[in-house]
């Protein structure tokens, strides 16, 4: 699965959970969403980015900036190796 697809699915699921708030579900806060997003990426290529995002309070609160950082890093690395994916996703 490529990163773009994974992020799309993750955000869609997050929106579904937040939509259930009116039915008593607590949803997920922004920090939990970012931890889930980065925690399920199981490739050594993005470990540095995961660590950076999780250690920066601003990035933990801003999903679009975090995703942009992952995408920018991936784009930079694709120039070196065009077959980077997120390898596996724990469901």
C-alpha atoms as a PDB file:
ATOM      1  CA  UNK A   1       0.000   0.000   0.000  1.00  0.00           C
ATOM      2  CA  UNK A   2       1.390   3.384  -0.869  1.00  0.00           C
ATOM      3  CA  UNK A   3       1.490   6.135   1.718  1.00  0.00           C
ATOM      4  CA  UNK A   4      -1.161   8.288   0.025  1.00  0.00           C
ATOM      5  CA  UNK A   5      -3.691   5.421   0.055  1.00  0.00           C
ATOM      6  CA  UNK A   6      -2.902   4.552   3.664  1.00  0.00           C
ATOM      7  CA  UNK A   7      -3.381   8.152   4.802  1.00  0.00           C
ATOM      8  CA  UNK A   8      -6.685   8.390   2.912  1.00  0.00           C
ATOM      9  CA  UNK A   9      -8.037   5.211   4.548  1.00  0.00           C
ATOM     10  CA  UNK A  10      -6.787   6.298   7.980  1.00  0.00           C
ATOM     11  CA  UNK A  11      -8.429   9.738   7.755  1.00  0.00           C
ATOM     12  CA  UNK A  12     -11.661   8.206   6.466  1.00  0.00           C
ATOM     13  CA  UNK A  13     -11.796   5.839   9.467  1.00  0.00           C
ATOM     14  CA  UNK A  14     -11.013   8.726  11.823  1.00  0.00           C
ATOM     15  CA  UNK A  15     -13.920  10.713  10.343  1.00  0.00           C
ATOM     16  CA  UNK A  16     -16.248   7.734  10.834  1.00  0.00           C
ATOM     17  CA  UNK A  17     -15.268   7.452  14.504  1.00  0.00           C
ATOM     18  CA  UNK A  18     -15.776  11.172  15.018  1.00  0.00           C
ATOM     19  CA  UNK A  19     -19.167  10.896  13.324  1.00  0.00           C
ATOM     20  CA  UNK A  20     -20.234   8.414  15.979  1.00  0.00           C
ATOM     21  CA  UNK A  21     -19.818  10.970  18.784  1.00  0.00           C
ATOM     22  CA  UNK A  22     -23.515  11.769  18.700  1.00  0.00           C
ATOM     23  CA  UNK A  23     -24.158   8.074  19.447  1.00  0.00           C
ATOM     24  CA  UNK A  24     -21.930   8.053  22.520  1.00  0.00           C
ATOM     25  CA  UNK A  25     -18.576   7.145  20.939  1.00  0.00           C
ATOM     26  CA  UNK A  26     -15.804   9.386  22.227  1.00  0.00           C
ATOM     27  CA  UNK A  27     -13.963   9.502  18.892  1.00  0.00           C
ATOM     28  CA  UNK A  28     -10.215  10.116  18.836  1.00  0.00           C
ATOM     29  CA  UNK A  29      -8.309  13.260  19.657  1.00  0.00           C
ATOM     30  CA  UNK A  30      -5.703  14.660  17.263  1.00  0.00           C
ATOM     31  CA  UNK A  31      -2.721  13.252  19.138  1.00  0.00           C
ATOM     32  CA  UNK A  32      -4.206   9.754  19.152  1.00  0.00           C
ATOM     33  CA  UNK A  33      -4.908  10.024  15.437  1.00  0.00           C
ATOM     34  CA  UNK A  34      -1.272  10.947  14.752  1.00  0.00           C
ATOM     35  CA  UNK A  35       0.026   8.148  17.014  1.00  0.00           C
ATOM     36  CA  UNK A  36      -2.206   5.656  15.201  1.00  0.00           C
ATOM     37  CA  UNK A  37      -1.196   6.983  11.795  1.00  0.00           C
ATOM     38  CA  UNK A  38       2.530   6.798  12.443  1.00  0.00           C
ATOM     39  CA  UNK A  39       2.441   3.731  14.676  1.00  0.00           C
ATOM     40  CA  UNK A  40       1.001   1.504  11.987  1.00  0.00           C
ATOM     41  CA  UNK A  41       3.647   2.415   9.416  1.00  0.00           C
ATOM     42  CA  UNK A  42       6.069  -0.488   9.615  1.00  0.00           C
ATOM     43  CA  UNK A  43       8.928   0.567   7.381  1.00  0.00           C
ATOM     44  CA  UNK A  44      12.410   1.437   8.561  1.00  0.00           C
ATOM     45  CA  UNK A  45      12.589   4.154   5.889  1.00  0.00           C
ATOM     46  CA  UNK A  46      10.171   6.376   7.824  1.00  0.00           C
ATOM     47  CA  UNK A  47      11.357   5.695  11.399  1.00  0.00           C
ATOM     48  CA  UNK A  48      13.161   9.034  11.585  1.00  0.00           C
ATOM     49  CA  UNK A  49      10.036  10.907  10.461  1.00  0.00           C
ATOM     50  CA  UNK A  50       7.821   8.985  12.892  1.00  0.00           C
ATOM     51  CA  UNK A  51      10.136   9.851  15.781  1.00  0.00           C
ATOM     52  CA  UNK A  52      10.307  13.509  14.749  1.00  0.00           C
ATOM     53  CA  UNK A  53       6.525  13.826  14.469  1.00  0.00           C
ATOM     54  CA  UNK A  54       5.822  12.089  17.783  1.00  0.00           C
ATOM     55  CA  UNK A  55       8.402  14.212  19.614  1.00  0.00           C
ATOM     56  CA  UNK A  56       7.097  17.547  18.282  1.00  0.00           C
ATOM     57  CA  UNK A  57       3.965  18.782  20.086  1.00  0.00           C
ATOM     58  CA  UNK A  58       2.959  20.981  17.145  1.00  0.00           C
ATOM     59  CA  UNK A  59       3.103  18.094  14.684  1.00  0.00           C
ATOM     60  CA  UNK A  60       1.206  15.796  17.075  1.00  0.00           C
ATOM     61  CA  UNK A  61      -1.669  18.305  16.970  1.00  0.00           C
ATOM     62  CA  UNK A  62      -1.627  18.940  13.209  1.00  0.00           C
ATOM     63  CA  UNK A  63      -2.389  15.926  11.053  1.00  0.00           C
ATOM     64  CA  UNK A  64      -2.007  17.745   7.732  1.00  0.00           C
ATOM     65  CA  UNK A  65       1.487  18.993   8.616  1.00  0.00           C
ATOM     66  CA  UNK A  66       2.463  15.513   9.797  1.00  0.00           C
ATOM     67  CA  UNK A  67       1.214  13.923   6.594  1.00  0.00           C
ATOM     68  CA  UNK A  68       2.987  16.588   4.529  1.00  0.00           C
ATOM     69  CA  UNK A  69       6.227  15.806   6.348  1.00  0.00           C
ATOM     70  CA  UNK A  70       5.833  12.083   5.602  1.00  0.00           C
ATOM     71  CA  UNK A  71       5.000  12.848   1.956  1.00  0.00           C
ATOM     72  CA  UNK A  72       7.900  15.280   1.508  1.00  0.00           C
ATOM     73  CA  UNK A  73      10.353  12.809   3.008  1.00  0.00           C
ATOM     74  CA  UNK A  74       8.965  10.000   0.865  1.00  0.00           C
ATOM     75  CA  UNK A  75       9.179  12.151  -2.277  1.00  0.00           C
ATOM     76  CA  UNK A  76      12.793  12.976  -1.481  1.00  0.00           C
ATOM     77  CA  UNK A  77      13.644   9.311  -0.922  1.00  0.00           C
ATOM     78  CA  UNK A  78      11.826   8.215  -4.105  1.00  0.00           C
ATOM     79  CA  UNK A  79      14.373  10.177  -6.081  1.00  0.00           C
ATOM     80  CA  UNK A  80      16.954   7.793  -4.639  1.00  0.00           C
ATOM     81  CA  UNK A  81      14.809   4.637  -4.725  1.00  0.00           C
ATOM     82  CA  UNK A  82      11.495   4.724  -6.632  1.00  0.00           C
ATOM     83  CA  UNK A  83       9.844   1.727  -4.908  1.00  0.00           C
ATOM     84  CA  UNK A  84       9.252   3.020  -1.374  1.00  0.00           C
ATOM     85  CA  UNK A  85       5.991   1.890   0.209  1.00  0.00           C
ATOM     86  CA  UNK A  86       4.833   1.678   3.798  1.00  0.00           C
ATOM     87  CA  UNK A  87       5.397  -2.107   3.552  1.00  0.00           C
ATOM     88  CA  UNK A  88       2.813  -3.357   6.034  1.00  0.00           C
ATOM     89  CA  UNK A  89      -0.125  -1.961   7.892  1.00  0.00           C
ATOM     90  CA  UNK A  90      -1.359  -3.550  11.091  1.00  0.00           C
ATOM     91  CA  UNK A  91      -5.152  -3.729  10.984  1.00  0.00           C
END
